[in-house]
Amino acid sequence: MTTTLADSAFDSLRLDAVSDLEALRRAYELPKATALRKQMTELTDQTRRLIGCSSLVLVASADAEGNCDVSRAAAPPGSSPSWTHGRW
């Protein structure tokens, strides 16, 4: 942990940020095979049925540079928003 004072809460978070792959590996182990199997590039019939039963869905994605985004969609169960070509 860093003891330098920060001007804001966000600055404080940056002081302790993981800055390289070596530091990341010290803090977190590699994901297990079960976690890697959860990654998918498209929705299957099974995931569409699961989403259809849900009142809130969070979809996370990352681009080639590693920039992440999480989108939410809320609707009554059975009437969830449609997912077409990667967009809500």
PDB file of N, CA and C in Angstrom:
ATOM      1  N   MET A   1       0.837  -1.188   0.000  1.00  0.00           N
ATOM      2  CA  MET A   1       0.000   0.000   0.000  1.00  0.00           C
ATOM      3  C   MET A   1       0.879   1.248   0.000  1.00  0.00           C
ATOM      4  N   THR A   2       0.361   2.278  -0.587  1.00  0.00           N
ATOM      5  CA  THR A   2       1.075   3.543  -0.690  1.00  0.00           C
ATOM      6  C   THR A   2       0.639   4.462   0.437  1.00  0.00           C
ATOM      7  N   THR A   3       1.576   5.222   0.994  1.00  0.00           N
ATOM      8  CA  THR A   3       1.233   6.132   2.082  1.00  0.00           C
ATOM      9  C   THR A   3       1.153   7.580   1.628  1.00  0.00           C
ATOM     10  N   THR A   4       1.368   7.837   0.336  1.00  0.00           N
ATOM     11  CA  THR A   4       1.287   9.194  -0.194  1.00  0.00           C
ATOM     12  C   THR A   4      -0.142   9.710  -0.068  1.00  0.00           C
ATOM     13  N   LEU A   5      -0.294  10.983   0.324  1.00  0.00           N
ATOM     14  CA  LEU A   5      -1.624  11.576   0.419  1.00  0.00           C
ATOM     15  C   LEU A   5      -2.143  11.903  -0.972  1.00  0.00           C
ATOM     16  N   ALA A   6      -3.435  11.740  -1.159  1.00  0.00           N
ATOM     17  CA  ALA A   6      -4.060  12.016  -2.451  1.00  0.00           C
ATOM     18  C   ALA A   6      -5.002  13.196  -2.313  1.00  0.00           C
ATOM     19  N   ASP A   7      -5.213  13.893  -3.443  1.00  0.00           N
ATOM     20  CA  ASP A   7      -6.114  15.045  -3.442  1.00  0.00           C
ATOM     21  C   ASP A   7      -7.581  14.633  -3.447  1.00  0.00           C
ATOM     22  N   SER A   8      -7.884  13.468  -3.997  1.00  0.00           N
ATOM     23  CA  SER A   8      -9.276  13.023  -4.070  1.00  0.00           C
ATOM     24  C   SER A   8      -9.334  11.512  -3.890  1.00  0.00           C
ATOM     25  N   ALA A   9     -10.541  11.003  -3.743  1.00  0.00           N
ATOM     26  CA  ALA A   9     -10.718   9.553  -3.610  1.00  0.00           C
ATOM     27  C   ALA A   9     -10.221   8.836  -4.863  1.00  0.00           C
ATOM     28  N   PHE A  10     -10.468   9.413  -6.039  1.00  0.00           N
ATOM     29  CA  PHE A  10     -10.008   8.790  -7.278  1.00  0.00           C
ATOM     30  C   PHE A  10      -8.487   8.772  -7.346  1.00  0.00           C
ATOM     31  N   ASP A  11      -7.843   9.848  -6.924  1.00  0.00           N
ATOM     32  CA  ASP A  11      -6.384   9.869  -6.889  1.00  0.00           C
ATOM     33  C   ASP A  11      -5.861   8.796  -5.942  1.00  0.00           C
ATOM     34  N   SER A  12      -6.544   8.609  -4.835  1.00  0.00           N
ATOM     35  CA  SER A  12      -6.150   7.593  -3.874  1.00  0.00           C
ATOM     36  C   SER A  12      -6.221   6.202  -4.501  1.00  0.00           C
ATOM     37  N   LEU A  13      -7.265   5.950  -5.273  1.00  0.00           N
ATOM     38  CA  LEU A  13      -7.379   4.660  -5.948  1.00  0.00           C
ATOM     39  C   LEU A  13      -6.246   4.463  -6.948  1.00  0.00           C
ATOM     40  N   ARG A  14      -5.888   5.502  -7.657  1.00  0.00           N
ATOM     41  CA  ARG A  14      -4.816   5.403  -8.649  1.00  0.00           C
ATOM     42  C   ARG A  14      -3.469   5.092  -7.990  1.00  0.00           C
ATOM     43  N   LEU A  15      -3.245   5.590  -6.782  1.00  0.00           N
ATOM     44  CA  LEU A  15      -1.972   5.357  -6.101  1.00  0.00           C
ATOM     45  C   LEU A  15      -1.729   3.872  -5.865  1.00  0.00           C
ATOM     46  N   ASP A  16      -2.802   3.125  -5.645  1.00  0.00           N
ATOM     47  CA  ASP A  16      -2.679   1.696  -5.370  1.00  0.00           C
ATOM     48  C   ASP A  16      -3.020   0.830  -6.578  1.00  0.00           C
ATOM     49  N   ALA A  17      -3.175   1.433  -7.743  1.00  0.00           N
ATOM     50  CA  ALA A  17      -3.558   0.689  -8.941  1.00  0.00           C
ATOM     51  C   ALA A  17      -2.461  -0.286  -9.357  1.00  0.00           C
ATOM     52  N   VAL A  18      -2.886  -1.413  -9.885  1.00  0.00           N
ATOM     53  CA  VAL A  18      -1.956  -2.381 -10.457  1.00  0.00           C
ATOM     54  C   VAL A  18      -1.460  -1.802 -11.771  1.00  0.00           C
ATOM     55  N   SER A  19      -0.151  -1.680 -11.914  1.00  0.00           N
ATOM     56  CA  SER A  19       0.389  -0.963 -13.072  1.00  0.00           C
ATOM     57  C   SER A  19       1.001  -1.856 -14.146  1.00  0.00           C
ATOM     58  N   ASP A  20       1.223  -3.146 -13.842  1.00  0.00           N
ATOM     59  CA  ASP A  20       1.804  -4.019 -14.863  1.00  0.00           C
ATOM     60  C   ASP A  20       1.385  -5.466 -14.618  1.00  0.00           C
ATOM     61  N   LEU A  21       1.674  -6.317 -15.588  1.00  0.00           N
ATOM     62  CA  LEU A  21       1.255  -7.711 -15.522  1.00  0.00           C
ATOM     63  C   LEU A  21       1.878  -8.439 -14.336  1.00  0.00           C
ATOM     64  N   GLU A  22       3.121  -8.144 -14.032  1.00  0.00           N
ATOM     65  CA  GLU A  22       3.788  -8.793 -12.899  1.00  0.00           C
ATOM     66  C   GLU A  22       3.063  -8.479 -11.584  1.00  0.00           C
ATOM     67  N   ALA A  23       2.689  -7.231 -11.388  1.00  0.00           N
ATOM     68  CA  ALA A  23       1.952  -6.845 -10.177  1.00  0.00           C
ATOM     69  C   ALA A  23       0.571  -7.498 -10.152  1.00  0.00           C
ATOM     70  N   LEU A  24      -0.054  -7.608 -11.312  1.00  0.00           N
ATOM     71  CA  LEU A  24      -1.363  -8.266 -11.400  1.00  0.00           C
ATOM     72  C   LEU A  24      -1.251  -9.724 -10.991  1.00  0.00           C
ATOM     73  N   ARG A  25      -0.232 -10.416 -11.465  1.00  0.00           N
ATOM     74  CA  ARG A  25      -0.048 -11.830 -11.130  1.00  0.00           C
ATOM     75  C   ARG A  25       0.291 -12.023  -9.655  1.00  0.00           C
ATOM     76  N   ARG A  26       0.936 -11.042  -9.037  1.00  0.00           N
ATOM     77  CA  ARG A  26       1.185 -11.140  -7.587  1.00  0.00           C
ATOM     78  C   ARG A  26      -0.116 -10.999  -6.809  1.00  0.00           C
ATOM     79  N   ALA A  27      -1.036 -10.189  -7.317  1.00  0.00           N
ATOM     80  CA  ALA A  27      -2.291  -9.936  -6.612  1.00  0.00           C
ATOM     81  C   ALA A  27      -3.358 -10.988  -6.912  1.00  0.00           C
ATOM     82  N   TYR A  28      -3.366 -11.512  -8.146  1.00  0.00           N
ATOM     83  CA  TYR A  28      -4.412 -12.453  -8.566  1.00  0.00           C
ATOM     84  C   TYR A  28      -3.792 -13.635  -9.293  1.00  0.00           C
ATOM     85  N   GLU A  29      -4.294 -14.819  -8.985  1.00  0.00           N
ATOM     86  CA  GLU A  29      -3.842 -15.997  -9.724  1.00  0.00           C
ATOM     87  C   GLU A  29      -4.538 -16.044 -11.086  1.00  0.00           C
ATOM     88  N   LEU A  30      -4.012 -16.858 -11.982  1.00  0.00           N
ATOM     89  CA  LEU A  30      -4.638 -17.022 -13.290  1.00  0.00           C
ATOM     90  C   LEU A  30      -6.025 -17.636 -13.120  1.00  0.00           C
ATOM     91  N   PRO A  31      -6.971 -17.275 -13.983  1.00  0.00           N
ATOM     92  CA  PRO A  31      -8.313 -17.849 -13.855  1.00  0.00           C
ATOM     93  C   PRO A  31      -8.291 -19.357 -14.107  1.00  0.00           C
ATOM     94  N   LYS A  32      -9.152 -20.061 -13.415  1.00  0.00           N
ATOM     95  CA  LYS A  32      -9.280 -21.508 -13.586  1.00  0.00           C
ATOM     96  C   LYS A  32     -10.031 -21.805 -14.887  1.00  0.00           C
ATOM     97  N   ALA A  33      -9.950 -23.042 -15.343  1.00  0.00           N
ATOM     98  CA  ALA A  33     -10.617 -23.452 -16.585  1.00  0.00           C
ATOM     99  C   ALA A  33     -12.124 -23.218 -16.507  1.00  0.00           C
ATOM    100  N   THR A  34     -12.718 -23.419 -15.321  1.00  0.00           N
ATOM    101  CA  THR A  34     -14.167 -23.211 -15.194  1.00  0.00           C
ATOM    102  C   THR A  34     -14.547 -21.763 -15.461  1.00  0.00           C
ATOM    103  N   ALA A  35     -13.720 -20.819 -15.037  1.00  0.00           N
ATOM    104  CA  ALA A  35     -13.997 -19.402 -15.297  1.00  0.00           C
ATOM    105  C   ALA A  35     -13.808 -19.082 -16.776  1.00  0.00           C
ATOM    106  N   LEU A  36     -12.781 -19.644 -17.386  1.00  0.00           N
ATOM    107  CA  LEU A  36     -12.528 -19.386 -18.805  1.00  0.00           C
ATOM    108  C   LEU A  36     -13.653 -19.921 -19.681  1.00  0.00           C
ATOM    109  N   ARG A  37     -14.274 -21.031 -19.273  1.00  0.00           N
ATOM    110  CA  ARG A  37     -15.383 -21.590 -20.059  1.00  0.00           C
ATOM    111  C   ARG A  37     -16.614 -20.688 -20.039  1.00  0.00           C
ATOM    112  N   LYS A  38     -16.690 -19.748 -19.109  1.00  0.00           N
ATOM    113  CA  LYS A  38     -17.837 -18.834 -19.037  1.00  0.00           C
ATOM    114  C   LYS A  38     -17.759 -17.735 -20.084  1.00  0.00           C
ATOM    115  N   GLN A  39     -16.594 -17.548 -20.687  1.00  0.00           N
ATOM    116  CA  GLN A  39     -16.443 -16.527 -21.717  1.00  0.00           C
ATOM    117  C   GLN A  39     -17.165 -16.985 -22.973  1.00  0.00           C
ATOM    118  N   MET A  40     -17.849 -16.050 -23.628  1.00  0.00           N
ATOM    119  CA  MET A  40     -18.506 -16.387 -24.883  1.00  0.00           C
ATOM    120  C   MET A  40     -18.511 -15.178 -25.803  1.00  0.00           C
ATOM    121  N   THR A  41     -18.553 -15.453 -27.081  1.00  0.00           N
ATOM    122  CA  THR A  41     -18.565 -14.380 -28.073  1.00  0.00           C
ATOM    123  C   THR A  41     -19.967 -14.087 -28.579  1.00  0.00           C
ATOM    124  N   GLU A  42     -20.902 -14.981 -28.297  1.00  0.00           N
ATOM    125  CA  GLU A  42     -22.289 -14.761 -28.712  1.00  0.00           C
ATOM    126  C   GLU A  42     -23.212 -15.505 -27.757  1.00  0.00           C
ATOM    127  N   LEU A  43     -24.475 -15.117 -27.761  1.00  0.00           N
ATOM    128  CA  LEU A  43     -25.454 -15.768 -26.900  1.00  0.00           C
ATOM    129  C   LEU A  43     -25.928 -17.065 -27.538  1.00  0.00           C
ATOM    130  N   THR A  44     -26.064 -18.088 -26.714  1.00  0.00           N
ATOM    131  CA  THR A  44     -26.594 -19.370 -27.173  1.00  0.00           C
ATOM    132  C   THR A  44     -28.090 -19.412 -26.879  1.00  0.00           C
ATOM    133  N   ASP A  45     -28.769 -20.448 -27.374  1.00  0.00           N
ATOM    134  CA  ASP A  45     -30.193 -20.608 -27.056  1.00  0.00           C
ATOM    135  C   ASP A  45     -30.391 -20.716 -25.549  1.00  0.00           C
ATOM    136  N   GLN A  46     -29.483 -21.415 -24.873  1.00  0.00           N
ATOM    137  CA  GLN A  46     -29.574 -21.575 -23.422  1.00  0.00           C
ATOM    138  C   GLN A  46     -29.431 -20.228 -22.713  1.00  0.00           C
ATOM    139  N   THR A  47     -28.477 -19.397 -23.119  1.00  0.00           N
ATOM    140  CA  THR A  47     -28.314 -18.099 -22.460  1.00  0.00           C
ATOM    141  C   THR A  47     -29.485 -17.179 -22.776  1.00  0.00           C
ATOM    142  N   ARG A  48     -30.049 -17.276 -23.968  1.00  0.00           N
ATOM    143  CA  ARG A  48     -31.240 -16.476 -24.297  1.00  0.00           C
ATOM    144  C   ARG A  48     -32.414 -16.861 -23.396  1.00  0.00           C
ATOM    145  N   ARG A  49     -32.580 -18.170 -23.147  1.00  0.00           N
ATOM    146  CA  ARG A  49     -33.664 -18.612 -22.253  1.00  0.00           C
ATOM    147  C   ARG A  49     -33.426 -18.104 -20.834  1.00  0.00           C
ATOM    148  N   LEU A  50     -32.183 -18.165 -20.372  1.00  0.00           N
ATOM    149  CA  LEU A  50     -31.853 -17.668 -19.034  1.00  0.00           C
ATOM    150  C   LEU A  50     -32.157 -16.179 -18.929  1.00  0.00           C
ATOM    151  N   ILE A  51     -31.748 -15.405 -19.922  1.00  0.00           N
ATOM    152  CA  ILE A  51     -32.020 -13.966 -19.928  1.00  0.00           C
ATOM    153  C   ILE A  51     -33.522 -13.710 -19.938  1.00  0.00           C
ATOM    154  N   GLY A  52     -34.272 -14.541 -20.661  1.00  0.00           N
ATOM    155  CA  GLY A  52     -35.721 -14.391 -20.714  1.00  0.00           C
ATOM    156  C   GLY A  52     -36.393 -14.560 -19.361  1.00  0.00           C
ATOM    157  N   CYS A  53     -35.756 -15.261 -18.440  1.00  0.00           N
ATOM    158  CA  CYS A  53     -36.305 -15.469 -17.090  1.00  0.00           C
ATOM    159  C   CYS A  53     -35.842 -14.404 -16.106  1.00  0.00           C
ATOM    160  N   SER A  54     -34.952 -13.545 -16.522  1.00  0.00           N
ATOM    161  CA  SER A  54     -34.317 -12.590 -15.613  1.00  0.00           C
ATOM    162  C   SER A  54     -34.959 -11.214 -15.692  1.00  0.00           C
ATOM    163  N   SER A  55     -34.997 -10.518 -14.568  1.00  0.00           N
ATOM    164  CA  SER A  55     -35.516  -9.148 -14.555  1.00  0.00           C
ATOM    165  C   SER A  55     -34.400  -8.117 -14.737  1.00  0.00           C
ATOM    166  N   LEU A  56     -33.162  -8.526 -14.550  1.00  0.00           N
ATOM    167  CA  LEU A  56     -32.025  -7.628 -14.731  1.00  0.00           C
ATOM    168  C   LEU A  56     -30.872  -8.427 -15.319  1.00  0.00           C
ATOM    169  N   VAL A  57     -30.283  -7.902 -16.375  1.00  0.00           N
ATOM    170  CA  VAL A  57     -29.161  -8.566 -17.031  1.00  0.00           C
ATOM    171  C   VAL A  57     -28.021  -7.570 -17.155  1.00  0.00           C
ATOM    172  N   LEU A  58     -26.823  -8.003 -16.806  1.00  0.00           N
ATOM    173  CA  LEU A  58     -25.618  -7.195 -16.987  1.00  0.00           C
ATOM    174  C   LEU A  58     -24.740  -7.904 -18.007  1.00  0.00           C
ATOM    175  N   VAL A  59     -24.370  -7.197 -19.057  1.00  0.00           N
ATOM    176  CA  VAL A  59     -23.520  -7.764 -20.099  1.00  0.00           C
ATOM    177  C   VAL A  59     -22.200  -7.007 -20.081  1.00  0.00           C
ATOM    178  N   ALA A  60     -21.117  -7.737 -19.869  1.00  0.00           N
ATOM    179  CA  ALA A  60     -19.792  -7.122 -19.829  1.00  0.00           C
ATOM    180  C   ALA A  60     -19.016  -7.526 -21.072  1.00  0.00           C
ATOM    181  N   SER A  61     -18.241  -6.586 -21.580  1.00  0.00           N
ATOM    182  CA  SER A  61     -17.413  -6.870 -22.750  1.00  0.00           C
ATOM    183  C   SER A  61     -16.111  -6.087 -22.633  1.00  0.00           C
ATOM    184  N   ALA A  62     -15.146  -6.488 -23.440  1.00  0.00           N
ATOM    185  CA  ALA A  62     -13.863  -5.786 -23.497  1.00  0.00           C
ATOM    186  C   ALA A  62     -13.394  -5.766 -24.940  1.00  0.00           C
ATOM    187  N   ASP A  63     -12.750  -4.676 -25.327  1.00  0.00           N
ATOM    188  CA  ASP A  63     -12.221  -4.595 -26.686  1.00  0.00           C
ATOM    189  C   ASP A  63     -10.790  -5.133 -26.716  1.00  0.00           C
ATOM    190  N   ALA A  64     -10.168  -5.097 -27.879  1.00  0.00           N
ATOM    191  CA  ALA A  64      -8.824  -5.656 -28.053  1.00  0.00           C
ATOM    192  C   ALA A  64      -7.787  -4.981 -27.165  1.00  0.00           C
ATOM    193  N   GLU A  65      -8.017  -3.720 -26.795  1.00  0.00           N
ATOM    194  CA  GLU A  65      -7.081  -3.000 -25.926  1.00  0.00           C
ATOM    195  C   GLU A  65      -7.337  -3.259 -24.448  1.00  0.00           C
ATOM    196  N   GLY A  66      -8.395  -4.012 -24.129  1.00  0.00           N
ATOM    197  CA  GLY A  66      -8.709  -4.311 -22.741  1.00  0.00           C
ATOM    198  C   GLY A  66      -9.639  -3.326 -22.077  1.00  0.00           C
ATOM    199  N   ASN A  67     -10.195  -2.374 -22.829  1.00  0.00           N
ATOM    200  CA  ASN A  67     -11.171  -1.437 -22.271  1.00  0.00           C
ATOM    201  C   ASN A  67     -12.479  -2.177 -22.029  1.00  0.00           C
ATOM    202  N   CYS A  68     -12.972  -2.104 -20.801  1.00  0.00           N
ATOM    203  CA  CYS A  68     -14.170  -2.853 -20.419  1.00  0.00           C
ATOM    204  C   CYS A  68     -15.399  -1.961 -20.383  1.00  0.00           C
ATOM    205  N   ASP A  69     -16.546  -2.594 -20.585  1.00  0.00           N
ATOM    206  CA  ASP A  69     -17.822  -1.903 -20.511  1.00  0.00           C
ATOM    207  C   ASP A  69     -18.850  -2.887 -19.978  1.00  0.00           C
ATOM    208  N   VAL A  70     -19.750  -2.405 -19.131  1.00  0.00           N
ATOM    209  CA  VAL A  70     -20.856  -3.219 -18.642  1.00  0.00           C
ATOM    210  C   VAL A  70     -22.139  -2.469 -18.939  1.00  0.00           C
ATOM    211  N   SER A  71     -23.045  -3.145 -19.626  1.00  0.00           N
ATOM    212  CA  SER A  71     -24.342  -2.558 -19.946  1.00  0.00           C
ATOM    213  C   SER A  71     -25.411  -3.291 -19.163  1.00  0.00           C
ATOM    214  N   ARG A  72     -26.426  -2.571 -18.747  1.00  0.00           N
ATOM    215  CA  ARG A  72     -27.522  -3.210 -18.021  1.00  0.00           C
ATOM    216  C   ARG A  72     -28.799  -3.079 -18.835  1.00  0.00           C
ATOM    217  N   ALA A  73     -29.670  -4.037 -18.615  1.00  0.00           N
ATOM    218  CA  ALA A  73     -31.000  -3.989 -19.216  1.00  0.00           C
ATOM    219  C   ALA A  73     -31.959  -4.542 -18.181  1.00  0.00           C
ATOM    220  N   ALA A  74     -32.985  -3.790 -17.868  1.00  0.00           N
ATOM    221  CA  ALA A  74     -33.962  -4.225 -16.875  1.00  0.00           C
ATOM    222  C   ALA A  74     -35.341  -4.275 -17.515  1.00  0.00           C
ATOM    223  N   ALA A  75     -36.072  -5.323 -17.212  1.00  0.00           N
ATOM    224  CA  ALA A  75     -37.434  -5.497 -17.718  1.00  0.00           C
ATOM    225  C   ALA A  75     -38.086  -6.590 -16.884  1.00  0.00           C
ATOM    226  N   PRO A  76     -39.415  -6.648 -16.873  1.00  0.00           N
ATOM    227  CA  PRO A  76     -40.071  -7.748 -16.160  1.00  0.00           C
ATOM    228  C   PRO A  76     -39.636  -9.092 -16.752  1.00  0.00           C
ATOM    229  N   PRO A  77     -39.547 -10.151 -15.932  1.00  0.00           N
ATOM    230  CA  PRO A  77     -39.166 -11.461 -16.455  1.00  0.00           C
ATOM    231  C   PRO A  77     -40.064 -11.857 -17.626  1.00  0.00           C
ATOM    232  N   GLY A  78     -39.450 -12.452 -18.629  1.00  0.00           N
ATOM    233  CA  GLY A  78     -40.204 -12.883 -19.799  1.00  0.00           C
ATOM    234  C   GLY A  78     -40.347 -11.814 -20.860  1.00  0.00           C
ATOM    235  N   SER A  79     -39.971 -10.585 -20.546  1.00  0.00           N
ATOM    236  CA  SER A  79     -40.082  -9.513 -21.542  1.00  0.00           C
ATOM    237  C   SER A  79     -38.777  -8.741 -21.640  1.00  0.00           C
ATOM    238  N   SER A  80     -37.655  -9.442 -21.440  1.00  0.00           N
ATOM    239  CA  SER A  80     -36.373  -8.741 -21.469  1.00  0.00           C
ATOM    240  C   SER A  80     -36.109  -8.142 -22.845  1.00  0.00           C
ATOM    241  N   PRO A  81     -35.335  -7.069 -22.863  1.00  0.00           N
ATOM    242  CA  PRO A  81     -35.029  -6.403 -24.131  1.00  0.00           C
ATOM    243  C   PRO A  81     -34.366  -7.368 -25.107  1.00  0.00           C
ATOM    244  N   SER A  82     -34.534  -7.135 -26.374  1.00  0.00           N
ATOM    245  CA  SER A  82     -33.956  -8.042 -27.366  1.00  0.00           C
ATOM    246  C   SER A  82     -32.471  -7.763 -27.548  1.00  0.00           C
ATOM    247  N   TRP A  83     -31.747  -8.786 -27.846  1.00  0.00           N
ATOM    248  CA  TRP A  83     -30.312  -8.700 -28.089  1.00  0.00           C
ATOM    249  C   TRP A  83     -30.120  -9.006 -29.564  1.00  0.00           C
ATOM    250  N   THR A  84     -29.725  -8.003 -30.336  1.00  0.00           N
ATOM    251  CA  THR A  84     -29.571  -8.186 -31.772  1.00  0.00           C
ATOM    252  C   THR A  84     -28.193  -7.720 -32.209  1.00  0.00           C
ATOM    253  N   HIS A  85     -27.457  -8.589 -32.817  1.00  0.00           N
ATOM    254  CA  HIS A  85     -26.138  -8.262 -33.367  1.00  0.00           C
ATOM    255  C   HIS A  85     -25.262  -7.528 -32.354  1.00  0.00           C
ATOM    256  N   GLY A  86     -25.253  -8.010 -31.118  1.00  0.00           N
ATOM    257  CA  GLY A  86     -24.362  -7.443 -30.112  1.00  0.00           C
ATOM    258  C   GLY A  86     -24.830  -6.156 -29.486  1.00  0.00           C
ATOM    259  N   ARG A  87     -26.067  -5.752 -29.722  1.00  0.00           N
ATOM    260  CA  ARG A  87     -26.563  -4.498 -29.139  1.00  0.00           C
ATOM    261  C   ARG A  87     -27.936  -4.712 -28.523  1.00  0.00           C
ATOM    262  N   TRP A  88     -28.207  -3.985 -27.443  1.00  0.00           N
ATOM    263  CA  TRP A  88     -29.538  -4.030 -26.820  1.00  0.00           C
ATOM    264  C   TRP A  88     -30.486  -3.223 -27.637  1.00  0.00           C
TER     265      TRP A  88
END
